[in-house]
Amino acid sequence: MTTGESVSSDDKDITTSNSITSMESAAQQRKRRLMELRARVKNSGVNERVDEGNMSTSEDAPKLKFRSYDPTATTLGAKVESKDLFAIDKLIEDQLADTENKSVVEEVSIATLAPRKVDWDLKRDIADRMAKLERRTERAIAELIRQRLAADKTVDVATVVNSGAYIAIETDD
């Protein structure tokens, strides 16, 4: 059995050596094919360049456009139309006029720079509503005073107003 095992390991070595040689031969064939391909590409590139040179002299060559001069004229001059340079000045002036600062610059004051209270943004947001409510409140108070005066016709309006002012002064002290 030991001889059988040794024979099988020898067979493996022989098959691996055969596979290595077949791999090496495949690699050499690939290299040969690549070299042939490179040679074909190199030779075809030279032929194409020769063909391009022949084509440029043929009648199919693109016609040249001379935009700024006439090659047959004895004096070469500018054929380009002159542009209106003042149009650019007008465009620049319009842009400068648009960029002028039209916003009102707020004056820097201590109130602007001082730290604000936590609820300042809430007060700012409801300021319009509060102004409307204050106007309605003043109208309602005035209406209530008119109703009291109408119910109590014997009292003079001046004394009621003065008494209201007197009460306000006392509450301030």
C-alpha atoms as a PDB file:
ATOM      1  CA  MET A   1       0.000   0.000   0.000  1.00  0.00           C
ATOM      2  CA  THR A   2       2.797   2.290   0.640  1.00  0.00           C
ATOM      3  CA  THR A   3       3.982   1.728  -2.862  1.00  0.00           C
ATOM      4  CA  GLY A   4       0.482   2.462  -4.195  1.00  0.00           C
ATOM      5  CA  GLU A   5       0.345   5.676  -2.298  1.00  0.00           C
ATOM      6  CA  SER A   6       3.722   6.688  -3.566  1.00  0.00           C
ATOM      7  CA  VAL A   7       2.660   5.890  -7.107  1.00  0.00           C
ATOM      8  CA  SER A   8      -0.433   8.057  -6.805  1.00  0.00           C
ATOM      9  CA  SER A   9       1.606  10.983  -5.470  1.00  0.00           C
ATOM     10  CA  ASP A  10       4.024  10.533  -8.371  1.00  0.00           C
ATOM     11  CA  ASP A  11       1.089  10.591 -10.790  1.00  0.00           C
ATOM     12  CA  LYS A  12      -0.096  13.843  -9.239  1.00  0.00           C
ATOM     13  CA  ASP A  13       3.340  15.378  -9.690  1.00  0.00           C
ATOM     14  CA  ILE A  14       3.403  14.337 -13.317  1.00  0.00           C
ATOM     15  CA  THR A  15      -0.070  15.759 -13.998  1.00  0.00           C
ATOM     16  CA  THR A  16       0.753  19.040 -12.258  1.00  0.00           C
ATOM     17  CA  SER A  17       3.956  19.366 -14.238  1.00  0.00           C
ATOM     18  CA  ASN A  18       1.990  18.720 -17.435  1.00  0.00           C
ATOM     19  CA  SER A  19      -0.596  21.337 -16.421  1.00  0.00           C
ATOM     20  CA  ILE A  20       2.149  23.840 -15.658  1.00  0.00           C
ATOM     21  CA  THR A  21       3.703  23.335 -19.032  1.00  0.00           C
ATOM     22  CA  SER A  22       0.321  23.668 -20.703  1.00  0.00           C
ATOM     23  CA  MET A  23      -0.282  26.916 -18.772  1.00  0.00           C
ATOM     24  CA  GLU A  24       3.122  28.211 -19.742  1.00  0.00           C
ATOM     25  CA  SER A  25       2.533  27.323 -23.348  1.00  0.00           C
ATOM     26  CA  ALA A  26      -0.869  29.092 -23.257  1.00  0.00           C
ATOM     27  CA  ALA A  27       0.801  32.193 -21.800  1.00  0.00           C
ATOM     28  CA  GLN A  28       3.444  32.135 -24.533  1.00  0.00           C
ATOM     29  CA  GLN A  29       0.742  31.825 -27.193  1.00  0.00           C
ATOM     30  CA  ARG A  30      -1.115  34.830 -25.706  1.00  0.00           C
ATOM     31  CA  LYS A  31       2.086  36.873 -25.731  1.00  0.00           C
ATOM     32  CA  ARG A  32       2.727  35.926 -29.363  1.00  0.00           C
ATOM     33  CA  ARG A  33      -0.818  36.911 -30.384  1.00  0.00           C
ATOM     34  CA  LEU A  34      -0.509  40.249 -28.572  1.00  0.00           C
ATOM     35  CA  MET A  35       2.769  40.991 -30.345  1.00  0.00           C
ATOM     36  CA  GLU A  36       1.171  40.220 -33.708  1.00  0.00           C
ATOM     37  CA  LEU A  37      -1.790  42.445 -32.865  1.00  0.00           C
ATOM     38  CA  ARG A  38       0.509  45.314 -31.886  1.00  0.00           C
ATOM     39  CA  ALA A  39       2.424  44.959 -35.124  1.00  0.00           C
ATOM     40  CA  ARG A  40      -0.817  45.027 -37.150  1.00  0.00           C
ATOM     41  CA  VAL A  41      -2.070  48.125 -35.326  1.00  0.00           C
ATOM     42  CA  LYS A  42       1.262  49.874 -35.778  1.00  0.00           C
ATOM     43  CA  ASN A  43       1.370  49.127 -39.502  1.00  0.00           C
ATOM     44  CA  SER A  44      -2.275  50.087 -40.037  1.00  0.00           C
ATOM     45  CA  GLY A  45      -1.733  53.406 -38.186  1.00  0.00           C
ATOM     46  CA  VAL A  46       1.082  54.299 -40.585  1.00  0.00           C
ATOM     47  CA  ASN A  47      -1.104  53.433 -43.580  1.00  0.00           C
ATOM     48  CA  GLU A  48      -3.972  55.556 -42.245  1.00  0.00           C
ATOM     49  CA  ARG A  49      -1.673  58.536 -41.837  1.00  0.00           C
ATOM     50  CA  VAL A  50      -0.510  58.156 -45.414  1.00  0.00           C
ATOM     51  CA  ASP A  51      -4.145  57.950 -46.529  1.00  0.00           C
ATOM     52  CA  GLU A  52      -4.982  61.116 -44.569  1.00  0.00           C
ATOM     53  CA  GLY A  53      -2.106  62.958 -46.264  1.00  0.00           C
ATOM     54  CA  ASN A  54      -3.409  61.929 -49.678  1.00  0.00           C
ATOM     55  CA  MET A  55      -6.945  62.964 -48.736  1.00  0.00           C
ATOM     56  CA  SER A  56      -5.891  66.478 -47.733  1.00  0.00           C
ATOM     57  CA  THR A  57      -4.555  67.118 -51.203  1.00  0.00           C
ATOM     58  CA  SER A  58      -7.662  65.771 -52.879  1.00  0.00           C
ATOM     59  CA  GLU A  59     -10.745  67.764 -53.787  1.00  0.00           C
ATOM     60  CA  ASP A  60     -12.685  66.475 -50.746  1.00  0.00           C
ATOM     61  CA  ALA A  61     -10.661  68.642 -48.367  1.00  0.00           C
ATOM     62  CA  PRO A  62     -12.678  71.175 -46.363  1.00  0.00           C
ATOM     63  CA  LYS A  63     -12.806  74.659 -47.813  1.00  0.00           C
ATOM     64  CA  LEU A  64     -11.053  77.325 -45.754  1.00  0.00           C
ATOM     65  CA  LYS A  65     -13.013  80.309 -44.446  1.00  0.00           C
ATOM     66  CA  PHE A  66     -11.229  83.599 -44.102  1.00  0.00           C
ATOM     67  CA  ARG A  67     -13.270  85.694 -41.709  1.00  0.00           C
ATOM     68  CA  SER A  68     -11.012  88.622 -40.977  1.00  0.00           C
ATOM     69  CA  TYR A  69      -9.197  89.073 -44.286  1.00  0.00           C
ATOM     70  CA  ASP A  70      -9.277  88.287 -47.962  1.00  0.00           C
ATOM     71  CA  PRO A  71      -6.132  86.310 -48.931  1.00  0.00           C
ATOM     72  CA  THR A  72      -6.285  87.518 -52.539  1.00  0.00           C
ATOM     73  CA  ALA A  73      -6.453  91.222 -51.654  1.00  0.00           C
ATOM     74  CA  THR A  74      -3.299  93.298 -51.842  1.00  0.00           C
ATOM     75  CA  THR A  75      -4.046  95.098 -48.599  1.00  0.00           C
ATOM     76  CA  LEU A  76      -5.125  93.157 -45.595  1.00  0.00           C
ATOM     77  CA  GLY A  77      -7.768  94.880 -43.520  1.00  0.00           C
ATOM     78  CA  ALA A  78     -10.245  94.032 -40.839  1.00  0.00           C
ATOM     79  CA  LYS A  79     -13.535  92.706 -42.161  1.00  0.00           C
ATOM     80  CA  VAL A  80     -15.116  92.425 -38.728  1.00  0.00           C
ATOM     81  CA  GLU A  81     -17.863  94.911 -37.997  1.00  0.00           C
ATOM     82  CA  SER A  82     -17.021  97.333 -35.224  1.00  0.00           C
ATOM     83  CA  LYS A  83     -19.182  96.948 -32.166  1.00  0.00           C
ATOM     84  CA  ASP A  84     -20.844  99.802 -30.347  1.00  0.00           C
ATOM     85  CA  LEU A  85     -18.741 100.287 -27.227  1.00  0.00           C
ATOM     86  CA  PHE A  86     -21.219 102.763 -25.765  1.00  0.00           C
ATOM     87  CA  ALA A  87     -23.810  99.997 -25.506  1.00  0.00           C
ATOM     88  CA  ILE A  88     -21.539  98.306 -22.989  1.00  0.00           C
ATOM     89  CA  ASP A  89     -21.285 101.555 -21.018  1.00  0.00           C
ATOM     90  CA  LYS A  90     -25.068 101.771 -20.924  1.00  0.00           C
ATOM     91  CA  LEU A  91     -25.297  98.181 -19.741  1.00  0.00           C
ATOM     92  CA  ILE A  92     -22.789  98.840 -16.965  1.00  0.00           C
ATOM     93  CA  GLU A  93     -24.648 101.969 -15.860  1.00  0.00           C
ATOM     94  CA  ASP A  94     -27.914 100.017 -15.700  1.00  0.00           C
ATOM     95  CA  GLN A  95     -26.299  97.323 -13.575  1.00  0.00           C
ATOM     96  CA  LEU A  96     -24.779  99.900 -11.236  1.00  0.00           C
ATOM     97  CA  ALA A  97     -28.145 101.596 -10.855  1.00  0.00           C
ATOM     98  CA  ASP A  98     -29.725  98.250  -9.966  1.00  0.00           C
ATOM     99  CA  THR A  99     -27.081  97.501  -7.363  1.00  0.00           C
ATOM    100  CA  GLU A 100     -27.466 100.753  -5.459  1.00  0.00           C
ATOM    101  CA  ASN A 101     -28.443 100.140  -1.868  1.00  0.00           C
ATOM    102  CA  LYS A 102     -32.148 100.926  -1.736  1.00  0.00           C
ATOM    103  CA  SER A 103     -32.770  99.426   1.691  1.00  0.00           C
ATOM    104  CA  VAL A 104     -32.950 101.646   4.736  1.00  0.00           C
ATOM    105  CA  VAL A 105     -30.026 101.130   7.048  1.00  0.00           C
ATOM    106  CA  GLU A 106     -31.116 100.776  10.652  1.00  0.00           C
ATOM    107  CA  GLU A 107     -29.314 102.973  13.093  1.00  0.00           C
ATOM    108  CA  VAL A 108     -27.256 101.116  15.631  1.00  0.00           C
ATOM    109  CA  SER A 109     -28.566 101.773  19.093  1.00  0.00           C
ATOM    110  CA  ILE A 110     -28.168 100.234  22.497  1.00  0.00           C
ATOM    111  CA  ALA A 111     -31.628  98.670  22.208  1.00  0.00           C
ATOM    112  CA  THR A 112     -30.553  96.893  19.028  1.00  0.00           C
ATOM    113  CA  LEU A 113     -27.315  95.609  20.521  1.00  0.00           C
ATOM    114  CA  ALA A 114     -28.610  94.762  24.001  1.00  0.00           C
ATOM    115  CA  PRO A 115     -29.595  91.182  24.741  1.00  0.00           C
ATOM    116  CA  ARG A 116     -33.287  90.527  24.376  1.00  0.00           C
ATOM    117  CA  LYS A 117     -35.730  88.802  26.642  1.00  0.00           C
ATOM    118  CA  VAL A 118     -36.725  85.229  25.982  1.00  0.00           C
ATOM    119  CA  ASP A 119     -40.204  86.053  24.673  1.00  0.00           C
ATOM    120  CA  TRP A 120     -39.279  89.024  22.480  1.00  0.00           C
ATOM    121  CA  ASP A 121     -40.087  87.158  19.265  1.00  0.00           C
ATOM    122  CA  LEU A 122     -43.532  86.175  20.555  1.00  0.00           C
ATOM    123  CA  LYS A 123     -44.305  89.779  21.462  1.00  0.00           C
ATOM    124  CA  ARG A 124     -43.102  90.918  18.054  1.00  0.00           C
ATOM    125  CA  ASP A 125     -45.323  88.394  16.290  1.00  0.00           C
ATOM    126  CA  ILE A 126     -48.509  89.397  18.155  1.00  0.00           C
ATOM    127  CA  ALA A 127     -47.890  93.168  18.226  1.00  0.00           C
ATOM    128  CA  ASP A 128     -50.319  93.815  15.329  1.00  0.00           C
ATOM    129  CA  ARG A 129     -53.070  91.769  16.979  1.00  0.00           C
ATOM    130  CA  MET A 130     -52.521  93.498  20.310  1.00  0.00           C
ATOM    131  CA  ALA A 131     -52.781  96.942  18.682  1.00  0.00           C
ATOM    132  CA  LYS A 132     -56.110  95.939  17.139  1.00  0.00           C
ATOM    133  CA  LEU A 133     -57.367  94.600  20.492  1.00  0.00           C
ATOM    134  CA  GLU A 134     -56.294  97.779  22.308  1.00  0.00           C
ATOM    135  CA  ARG A 135     -58.297  99.909  19.863  1.00  0.00           C
ATOM    136  CA  ARG A 136     -61.347  97.694  20.377  1.00  0.00           C
ATOM    137  CA  THR A 137     -60.898  97.861  24.153  1.00  0.00           C
ATOM    138  CA  GLU A 138     -60.757 101.674  24.102  1.00  0.00           C
ATOM    139  CA  ARG A 139     -63.917 101.797  22.001  1.00  0.00           C
ATOM    140  CA  ALA A 140     -65.697  99.403  24.361  1.00  0.00           C
ATOM    141  CA  ILE A 141     -64.690 101.443  27.432  1.00  0.00           C
ATOM    142  CA  ALA A 142     -65.852 104.642  25.747  1.00  0.00           C
ATOM    143  CA  GLU A 143     -69.176 102.973  24.890  1.00  0.00           C
ATOM    144  CA  LEU A 144     -69.628 101.796  28.508  1.00  0.00           C
ATOM    145  CA  ILE A 145     -68.959 105.318  29.792  1.00  0.00           C
ATOM    146  CA  ARG A 146     -71.498 106.732  27.341  1.00  0.00           C
ATOM    147  CA  GLN A 147     -74.083 104.192  28.504  1.00  0.00           C
ATOM    148  CA  ARG A 148     -73.528 105.092  32.200  1.00  0.00           C
ATOM    149  CA  LEU A 149     -73.773 108.765  31.435  1.00  0.00           C
ATOM    150  CA  ALA A 150     -76.948 108.221  29.443  1.00  0.00           C
ATOM    151  CA  ALA A 151     -78.463 106.245  32.341  1.00  0.00           C
ATOM    152  CA  ASP A 152     -77.412 108.843  34.895  1.00  0.00           C
ATOM    153  CA  LYS A 153     -78.318 112.126  33.126  1.00  0.00           C
ATOM    154  CA  THR A 154     -77.987 114.230  36.240  1.00  0.00           C
ATOM    155  CA  VAL A 155     -74.191 113.820  36.445  1.00  0.00           C
ATOM    156  CA  ASP A 156     -72.013 116.254  34.533  1.00  0.00           C
ATOM    157  CA  VAL A 157     -69.528 114.765  32.019  1.00  0.00           C
ATOM    158  CA  ALA A 158     -66.684 117.008  33.219  1.00  0.00           C
ATOM    159  CA  THR A 159     -66.958 115.778  36.805  1.00  0.00           C
ATOM    160  CA  VAL A 160     -66.910 112.127  35.681  1.00  0.00           C
ATOM    161  CA  VAL A 161     -63.772 112.702  33.600  1.00  0.00           C
ATOM    162  CA  ASN A 162     -62.091 114.613  36.418  1.00  0.00           C
ATOM    163  CA  SER A 163     -62.990 111.934  38.936  1.00  0.00           C
ATOM    164  CA  GLY A 164     -61.462 109.281  36.645  1.00  0.00           C
ATOM    165  CA  ALA A 165     -58.253 111.302  36.405  1.00  0.00           C
ATOM    166  CA  TYR A 166     -58.232 111.832  40.194  1.00  0.00           C
ATOM    167  CA  ILE A 167     -58.560 108.067  40.790  1.00  0.00           C
ATOM    168  CA  ALA A 168     -55.708 107.363  38.342  1.00  0.00           C
ATOM    169  CA  ILE A 169     -53.417 109.794  40.191  1.00  0.00           C
ATOM    170  CA  GLU A 170     -54.206 108.211  43.561  1.00  0.00           C
ATOM    171  CA  THR A 171     -53.431 104.708  42.280  1.00  0.00           C
ATOM    172  CA  ASP A 172     -50.033 105.859  40.971  1.00  0.00           C
ATOM    173  CA  ASP A 173     -48.963 107.085  44.431  1.00  0.00           C
END
